[in-house]
Amino acid sequence: MNLKCIKTKNAPEPIGPYSQAVESNNFIFTSGQIAIKPSTGQLLNGNVQEQTRLVLDNLKSVLSAAGSGMDQIVKTTIYLNNMDDFPQVNAVYSEYFTDSFPARSTVEVSRLPKNVLVEIDCIAAK
């Protein structure tokens, strides 16, 4: 198996012992992204819409560094601190995916890293 770790300064540095993404067999597997500003490393303490937008921008940067893009995503997983935020997250999500939608799972979890409101990871083709 041929694995390649993906790293870019245009997305937040990992906050633990993991890669931003890994490429294997022409697929990109991203780690979960949260609302950390890549330029400062600081958490965005905004509402769920603002956090979702930054999370998706961070995913976009990781995929770009891997030679892929948002239009190549085949699957996303969204982790929400509160399922009541589902409509607001969907509204922002629909700004990034307008035609061919990836498969998706959305789950409510009891807690996310740094107490953020949303985390998203994805699998994309290269």
N, C-alpha and C. Protein backbone atom coordinates (compact mmCIF):
# COMPACT_ATOMS: atom_id res chain seq x y z
N MET A 1 0.84 -1.17 0.00
CA MET A 1 0.00 0.00 0.00
C MET A 1 0.89 1.24 0.00
N ASN A 2 0.58 2.18 -0.88
CA ASN A 2 1.36 3.40 -1.00
C ASN A 2 0.59 4.55 -0.35
N LEU A 3 1.11 5.06 0.77
CA LEU A 3 0.46 6.15 1.49
C LEU A 3 1.31 7.41 1.39
N LYS A 4 0.63 8.54 1.22
CA LYS A 4 1.31 9.83 1.18
C LYS A 4 0.59 10.77 2.14
N CYS A 5 1.32 11.32 3.10
CA CYS A 5 0.73 12.28 4.04
C CYS A 5 0.67 13.65 3.38
N ILE A 6 -0.44 14.32 3.56
CA ILE A 6 -0.68 15.64 2.99
C ILE A 6 -0.51 16.68 4.08
N LYS A 7 0.20 17.75 3.76
CA LYS A 7 0.40 18.83 4.73
C LYS A 7 0.40 20.16 3.98
N THR A 8 -0.34 21.12 4.53
CA THR A 8 -0.36 22.46 3.96
C THR A 8 -0.45 23.49 5.08
N LYS A 9 0.17 24.62 4.87
CA LYS A 9 0.08 25.73 5.83
C LYS A 9 -1.22 26.51 5.63
N ASN A 10 -1.98 26.19 4.57
CA ASN A 10 -3.24 26.87 4.28
C ASN A 10 -4.42 26.28 5.04
N ALA A 11 -4.13 25.33 5.90
CA ALA A 11 -5.14 24.72 6.78
C ALA A 11 -4.50 24.60 8.16
N PRO A 12 -5.32 24.46 9.19
CA PRO A 12 -4.76 24.38 10.55
C PRO A 12 -3.80 23.21 10.72
N GLU A 13 -2.78 23.45 11.53
CA GLU A 13 -1.87 22.38 11.92
C GLU A 13 -2.66 21.36 12.75
N PRO A 14 -2.37 20.09 12.61
CA PRO A 14 -3.04 19.10 13.47
C PRO A 14 -2.79 19.41 14.95
N ILE A 15 -3.79 19.14 15.78
CA ILE A 15 -3.64 19.38 17.22
C ILE A 15 -3.28 18.10 17.96
N GLY A 16 -2.86 17.10 17.21
CA GLY A 16 -2.47 15.81 17.78
C GLY A 16 -1.59 15.07 16.79
N PRO A 17 -1.27 13.81 17.09
CA PRO A 17 -0.41 13.01 16.23
C PRO A 17 -1.16 12.40 15.04
N TYR A 18 -1.50 13.25 14.08
CA TYR A 18 -2.19 12.79 12.87
C TYR A 18 -1.88 13.74 11.73
N SER A 19 -2.19 13.31 10.51
CA SER A 19 -1.97 14.12 9.30
C SER A 19 -3.24 14.88 8.95
N GLN A 20 -3.09 15.98 8.24
CA GLN A 20 -4.25 16.70 7.74
C GLN A 20 -5.05 15.82 6.79
N ALA A 21 -4.33 15.02 6.03
CA ALA A 21 -4.95 14.06 5.11
C ALA A 21 -3.92 13.02 4.71
N VAL A 22 -4.42 11.92 4.18
CA VAL A 22 -3.57 10.86 3.64
C VAL A 22 -4.11 10.47 2.28
N GLU A 23 -3.18 10.32 1.33
CA GLU A 23 -3.56 9.85 0.00
C GLU A 23 -3.22 8.37 -0.12
N SER A 24 -4.17 7.60 -0.66
CA SER A 24 -3.97 6.19 -0.89
C SER A 24 -4.82 5.77 -2.08
N ASN A 25 -4.19 5.11 -3.04
CA ASN A 25 -4.90 4.59 -4.22
C ASN A 25 -5.81 5.62 -4.88
N ASN A 26 -5.27 6.82 -5.09
CA ASN A 26 -5.98 7.91 -5.76
C ASN A 26 -7.20 8.41 -5.00
N PHE A 27 -7.23 8.19 -3.71
CA PHE A 27 -8.26 8.78 -2.84
C PHE A 27 -7.57 9.59 -1.75
N ILE A 28 -8.23 10.66 -1.33
CA ILE A 28 -7.75 11.50 -0.25
C ILE A 28 -8.69 11.31 0.93
N PHE A 29 -8.13 10.97 2.08
CA PHE A 29 -8.88 10.79 3.32
C PHE A 29 -8.46 11.91 4.26
N THR A 30 -9.37 12.83 4.53
CA THR A 30 -8.99 13.95 5.39
C THR A 30 -9.29 13.64 6.85
N SER A 31 -8.52 14.26 7.71
CA SER A 31 -8.85 14.27 9.12
C SER A 31 -9.97 15.28 9.31
N GLY A 32 -10.66 15.18 10.43
CA GLY A 32 -11.72 16.12 10.72
C GLY A 32 -11.16 17.53 10.84
N GLN A 33 -11.86 18.47 10.23
CA GLN A 33 -11.48 19.87 10.33
C GLN A 33 -12.44 20.59 11.26
N ILE A 34 -11.88 21.46 12.09
CA ILE A 34 -12.69 22.29 12.96
C ILE A 34 -12.39 23.75 12.64
N ALA A 35 -13.08 24.65 13.31
CA ALA A 35 -13.00 26.08 12.99
C ALA A 35 -11.77 26.74 13.61
N ILE A 36 -10.61 26.36 13.11
CA ILE A 36 -9.36 27.00 13.51
C ILE A 36 -8.86 27.79 12.31
N LYS A 37 -8.49 29.03 12.55
CA LYS A 37 -7.97 29.90 11.49
C LYS A 37 -6.53 29.49 11.18
N PRO A 38 -6.25 29.11 9.93
CA PRO A 38 -4.90 28.65 9.60
C PRO A 38 -3.83 29.72 9.82
N SER A 39 -4.17 30.97 9.59
CA SER A 39 -3.18 32.05 9.68
C SER A 39 -2.73 32.31 11.11
N THR A 40 -3.60 32.05 12.09
CA THR A 40 -3.26 32.36 13.48
C THR A 40 -3.23 31.14 14.39
N GLY A 41 -3.86 30.06 13.96
CA GLY A 41 -3.97 28.89 14.82
C GLY A 41 -5.00 29.07 15.91
N GLN A 42 -5.76 30.15 15.83
CA GLN A 42 -6.76 30.44 16.85
C GLN A 42 -8.13 29.92 16.45
N LEU A 43 -8.90 29.53 17.44
CA LEU A 43 -10.25 29.05 17.24
C LEU A 43 -11.17 30.20 16.88
N LEU A 44 -12.07 29.98 15.92
CA LEU A 44 -13.12 30.94 15.58
C LEU A 44 -14.28 30.68 16.52
N ASN A 45 -14.58 31.63 17.36
CA ASN A 45 -15.66 31.46 18.34
C ASN A 45 -16.97 32.01 17.79
N GLY A 46 -17.23 31.81 16.50
CA GLY A 46 -18.45 32.31 15.89
C GLY A 46 -19.60 31.33 16.03
N ASN A 47 -20.70 31.68 15.37
CA ASN A 47 -21.87 30.81 15.38
C ASN A 47 -21.63 29.60 14.48
N VAL A 48 -22.59 28.71 14.43
CA VAL A 48 -22.39 27.46 13.68
C VAL A 48 -22.22 27.71 12.19
N GLN A 49 -22.87 28.72 11.64
CA GLN A 49 -22.70 29.03 10.22
C GLN A 49 -21.27 29.50 9.94
N GLU A 50 -20.76 30.39 10.77
CA GLU A 50 -19.39 30.89 10.59
C GLU A 50 -18.38 29.76 10.76
N GLN A 51 -18.60 28.91 11.75
CA GLN A 51 -17.70 27.79 11.96
C GLN A 51 -17.75 26.82 10.79
N THR A 52 -18.94 26.53 10.28
CA THR A 52 -19.08 25.60 9.15
C THR A 52 -18.35 26.13 7.92
N ARG A 53 -18.49 27.42 7.66
CA ARG A 53 -17.82 28.03 6.50
C ARG A 53 -16.30 27.89 6.61
N LEU A 54 -15.75 28.16 7.79
CA LEU A 54 -14.30 28.02 7.98
C LEU A 54 -13.87 26.56 7.87
N VAL A 55 -14.65 25.66 8.43
CA VAL A 55 -14.34 24.22 8.33
C VAL A 55 -14.29 23.79 6.87
N LEU A 56 -15.27 24.19 6.08
CA LEU A 56 -15.29 23.81 4.66
C LEU A 56 -14.15 24.48 3.90
N ASP A 57 -13.81 25.71 4.23
CA ASP A 57 -12.65 26.36 3.61
C ASP A 57 -11.37 25.61 3.96
N ASN A 58 -11.25 25.15 5.20
CA ASN A 58 -10.07 24.38 5.61
C ASN A 58 -10.01 23.06 4.84
N LEU A 59 -11.14 22.38 4.69
CA LEU A 59 -11.17 21.14 3.89
C LEU A 59 -10.75 21.42 2.46
N LYS A 60 -11.25 22.50 1.91
CA LYS A 60 -10.91 22.89 0.54
C LYS A 60 -9.39 23.08 0.39
N SER A 61 -8.76 23.71 1.37
CA SER A 61 -7.31 23.92 1.33
C SER A 61 -6.54 22.61 1.42
N VAL A 62 -6.98 21.71 2.28
CA VAL A 62 -6.31 20.40 2.39
C VAL A 62 -6.44 19.64 1.08
N LEU A 63 -7.63 19.63 0.51
CA LEU A 63 -7.84 18.92 -0.75
C LEU A 63 -7.01 19.53 -1.87
N SER A 64 -6.92 20.84 -1.91
CA SER A 64 -6.12 21.51 -2.93
C SER A 64 -4.65 21.10 -2.82
N ALA A 65 -4.14 21.04 -1.60
CA ALA A 65 -2.76 20.62 -1.38
C ALA A 65 -2.53 19.18 -1.84
N ALA A 66 -3.58 18.40 -1.84
CA ALA A 66 -3.48 16.99 -2.25
C ALA A 66 -3.73 16.82 -3.75
N GLY A 67 -4.03 17.91 -4.46
CA GLY A 67 -4.29 17.81 -5.89
C GLY A 67 -5.73 17.41 -6.19
N SER A 68 -6.63 17.69 -5.28
CA SER A 68 -8.04 17.36 -5.45
C SER A 68 -8.86 18.63 -5.21
N GLY A 69 -10.15 18.46 -5.06
CA GLY A 69 -10.99 19.63 -4.84
C GLY A 69 -12.36 19.23 -4.32
N MET A 70 -13.13 20.24 -3.99
CA MET A 70 -14.47 20.01 -3.42
C MET A 70 -15.35 19.21 -4.38
N ASP A 71 -15.16 19.40 -5.67
CA ASP A 71 -15.98 18.69 -6.66
C ASP A 71 -15.58 17.22 -6.79
N GLN A 72 -14.53 16.82 -6.10
CA GLN A 72 -14.05 15.44 -6.13
C GLN A 72 -14.44 14.67 -4.86
N ILE A 73 -15.13 15.34 -3.95
CA ILE A 73 -15.52 14.68 -2.70
C ILE A 73 -16.60 13.64 -2.99
N VAL A 74 -16.38 12.45 -2.47
CA VAL A 74 -17.37 11.38 -2.64
C VAL A 74 -18.17 11.12 -1.35
N LYS A 75 -17.62 11.53 -0.19
CA LYS A 75 -18.29 11.25 1.09
C LYS A 75 -17.84 12.27 2.12
N THR A 76 -18.79 12.80 2.87
CA THR A 76 -18.46 13.64 4.02
C THR A 76 -19.12 13.06 5.27
N THR A 77 -18.53 13.37 6.39
CA THR A 77 -19.16 13.09 7.67
C THR A 77 -19.15 14.39 8.46
N ILE A 78 -20.33 14.77 8.94
CA ILE A 78 -20.48 15.99 9.73
C ILE A 78 -20.79 15.58 11.16
N TYR A 79 -20.04 16.15 12.09
CA TYR A 79 -20.24 15.91 13.51
C TYR A 79 -20.76 17.22 14.11
N LEU A 80 -21.93 17.17 14.71
CA LEU A 80 -22.53 18.36 15.30
C LEU A 80 -22.60 18.23 16.81
N ASN A 81 -22.36 19.33 17.47
CA ASN A 81 -22.53 19.39 18.91
C ASN A 81 -24.01 19.38 19.27
N ASN A 82 -24.85 19.89 18.34
CA ASN A 82 -26.29 19.98 18.58
C ASN A 82 -27.03 19.77 17.26
N MET A 83 -27.82 18.73 17.17
CA MET A 83 -28.54 18.43 15.93
C MET A 83 -29.53 19.54 15.55
N ASP A 84 -29.88 20.40 16.48
CA ASP A 84 -30.73 21.55 16.15
C ASP A 84 -30.04 22.51 15.18
N ASP A 85 -28.70 22.41 15.07
CA ASP A 85 -27.95 23.25 14.14
C ASP A 85 -27.97 22.72 12.71
N PHE A 86 -28.59 21.57 12.50
CA PHE A 86 -28.62 20.92 11.18
C PHE A 86 -29.06 21.85 10.06
N PRO A 87 -30.16 22.61 10.19
CA PRO A 87 -30.58 23.49 9.08
C PRO A 87 -29.55 24.58 8.75
N GLN A 88 -28.92 25.15 9.77
CA GLN A 88 -27.93 26.20 9.53
C GLN A 88 -26.69 25.63 8.83
N VAL A 89 -26.27 24.45 9.25
CA VAL A 89 -25.12 23.80 8.61
C VAL A 89 -25.47 23.46 7.16
N ASN A 90 -26.66 22.94 6.92
CA ASN A 90 -27.09 22.63 5.56
C ASN A 90 -27.07 23.86 4.66
N ALA A 91 -27.49 25.00 5.19
CA ALA A 91 -27.52 26.24 4.40
C ALA A 91 -26.11 26.59 3.92
N VAL A 92 -25.13 26.52 4.81
CA VAL A 92 -23.75 26.82 4.41
C VAL A 92 -23.22 25.72 3.50
N TYR A 93 -23.47 24.48 3.83
CA TYR A 93 -23.01 23.32 3.05
C TYR A 93 -23.47 23.45 1.60
N SER A 94 -24.70 23.91 1.41
CA SER A 94 -25.24 24.03 0.05
C SER A 94 -24.55 25.12 -0.77
N GLU A 95 -23.81 26.01 -0.13
CA GLU A 95 -23.01 27.00 -0.85
C GLU A 95 -21.77 26.35 -1.48
N TYR A 96 -21.33 25.26 -0.92
CA TYR A 96 -20.11 24.58 -1.38
C TYR A 96 -20.41 23.41 -2.31
N PHE A 97 -21.60 22.86 -2.22
CA PHE A 97 -22.01 21.73 -3.05
C PHE A 97 -23.34 22.08 -3.69
N THR A 98 -23.34 22.30 -5.00
CA THR A 98 -24.56 22.78 -5.65
C THR A 98 -25.08 21.85 -6.73
N ASP A 99 -24.29 20.91 -7.18
CA ASP A 99 -24.75 20.07 -8.30
C ASP A 99 -24.72 18.60 -7.93
N SER A 100 -23.56 18.01 -8.00
CA SER A 100 -23.41 16.60 -7.65
C SER A 100 -23.04 16.53 -6.17
N PHE A 101 -23.99 16.10 -5.36
CA PHE A 101 -23.76 16.07 -3.92
C PHE A 101 -23.04 14.79 -3.51
N PRO A 102 -22.05 14.91 -2.63
CA PRO A 102 -21.40 13.70 -2.12
C PRO A 102 -22.34 12.95 -1.17
N ALA A 103 -22.06 11.69 -0.97
CA ALA A 103 -22.75 10.95 0.09
C ALA A 103 -22.38 11.62 1.41
N ARG A 104 -23.27 11.49 2.41
CA ARG A 104 -23.01 12.21 3.66
C ARG A 104 -23.67 11.52 4.84
N SER A 105 -22.98 11.57 5.96
CA SER A 105 -23.55 11.19 7.25
C SER A 105 -23.45 12.39 8.16
N THR A 106 -24.46 12.58 9.00
CA THR A 106 -24.43 13.65 9.99
C THR A 106 -24.82 13.04 11.33
N VAL A 107 -23.98 13.28 12.32
CA VAL A 107 -24.25 12.72 13.65
C VAL A 107 -24.08 13.79 14.71
N GLU A 108 -24.86 13.67 15.77
CA GLU A 108 -24.68 14.52 16.94
C GLU A 108 -23.76 13.80 17.90
N VAL A 109 -22.80 14.53 18.43
CA VAL A 109 -21.86 13.96 19.38
C VAL A 109 -21.91 14.77 20.67
N SER A 110 -21.46 14.18 21.75
CA SER A 110 -21.57 14.86 23.04
C SER A 110 -20.56 15.99 23.19
N ARG A 111 -19.43 15.88 22.48
CA ARG A 111 -18.41 16.91 22.60
C ARG A 111 -17.44 16.80 21.44
N LEU A 112 -16.94 17.96 20.98
CA LEU A 112 -15.97 18.01 19.89
C LEU A 112 -14.68 18.67 20.40
N PRO A 113 -13.56 18.45 19.69
CA PRO A 113 -12.31 19.09 20.12
C PRO A 113 -12.48 20.59 20.28
N LYS A 114 -11.89 21.11 21.33
CA LYS A 114 -11.93 22.55 21.64
C LYS A 114 -13.35 23.09 21.80
N ASN A 115 -14.29 22.19 22.03
CA ASN A 115 -15.69 22.55 22.23
C ASN A 115 -16.31 23.31 21.05
N VAL A 116 -15.87 22.99 19.84
CA VAL A 116 -16.45 23.62 18.66
C VAL A 116 -17.86 23.09 18.43
N LEU A 117 -18.57 23.74 17.52
CA LEU A 117 -19.94 23.36 17.23
C LEU A 117 -20.06 22.35 16.10
N VAL A 118 -19.03 22.26 15.23
CA VAL A 118 -19.09 21.40 14.06
C VAL A 118 -17.69 20.92 13.68
N GLU A 119 -17.62 19.70 13.19
CA GLU A 119 -16.39 19.13 12.62
C GLU A 119 -16.81 18.35 11.38
N ILE A 120 -15.99 18.43 10.33
CA ILE A 120 -16.30 17.71 9.08
C ILE A 120 -15.03 17.05 8.57
N ASP A 121 -15.16 15.80 8.12
CA ASP A 121 -14.09 15.14 7.38
C ASP A 121 -14.66 14.65 6.06
N CYS A 122 -13.77 14.22 5.17
CA CYS A 122 -14.26 13.75 3.87
C CYS A 122 -13.30 12.76 3.24
N ILE A 123 -13.83 12.10 2.21
CA ILE A 123 -13.06 11.24 1.32
C ILE A 123 -13.26 11.83 -0.07
N ALA A 124 -12.17 12.03 -0.79
CA ALA A 124 -12.25 12.62 -2.13
C ALA A 124 -11.40 11.81 -3.10
N ALA A 125 -11.81 11.82 -4.36
CA ALA A 125 -11.01 11.22 -5.42
C ALA A 125 -9.92 12.20 -5.80
N LYS A 126 -8.89 11.68 -6.42
CA LYS A 126 -7.82 12.55 -6.89
C LYS A 126 -7.87 12.65 -8.39
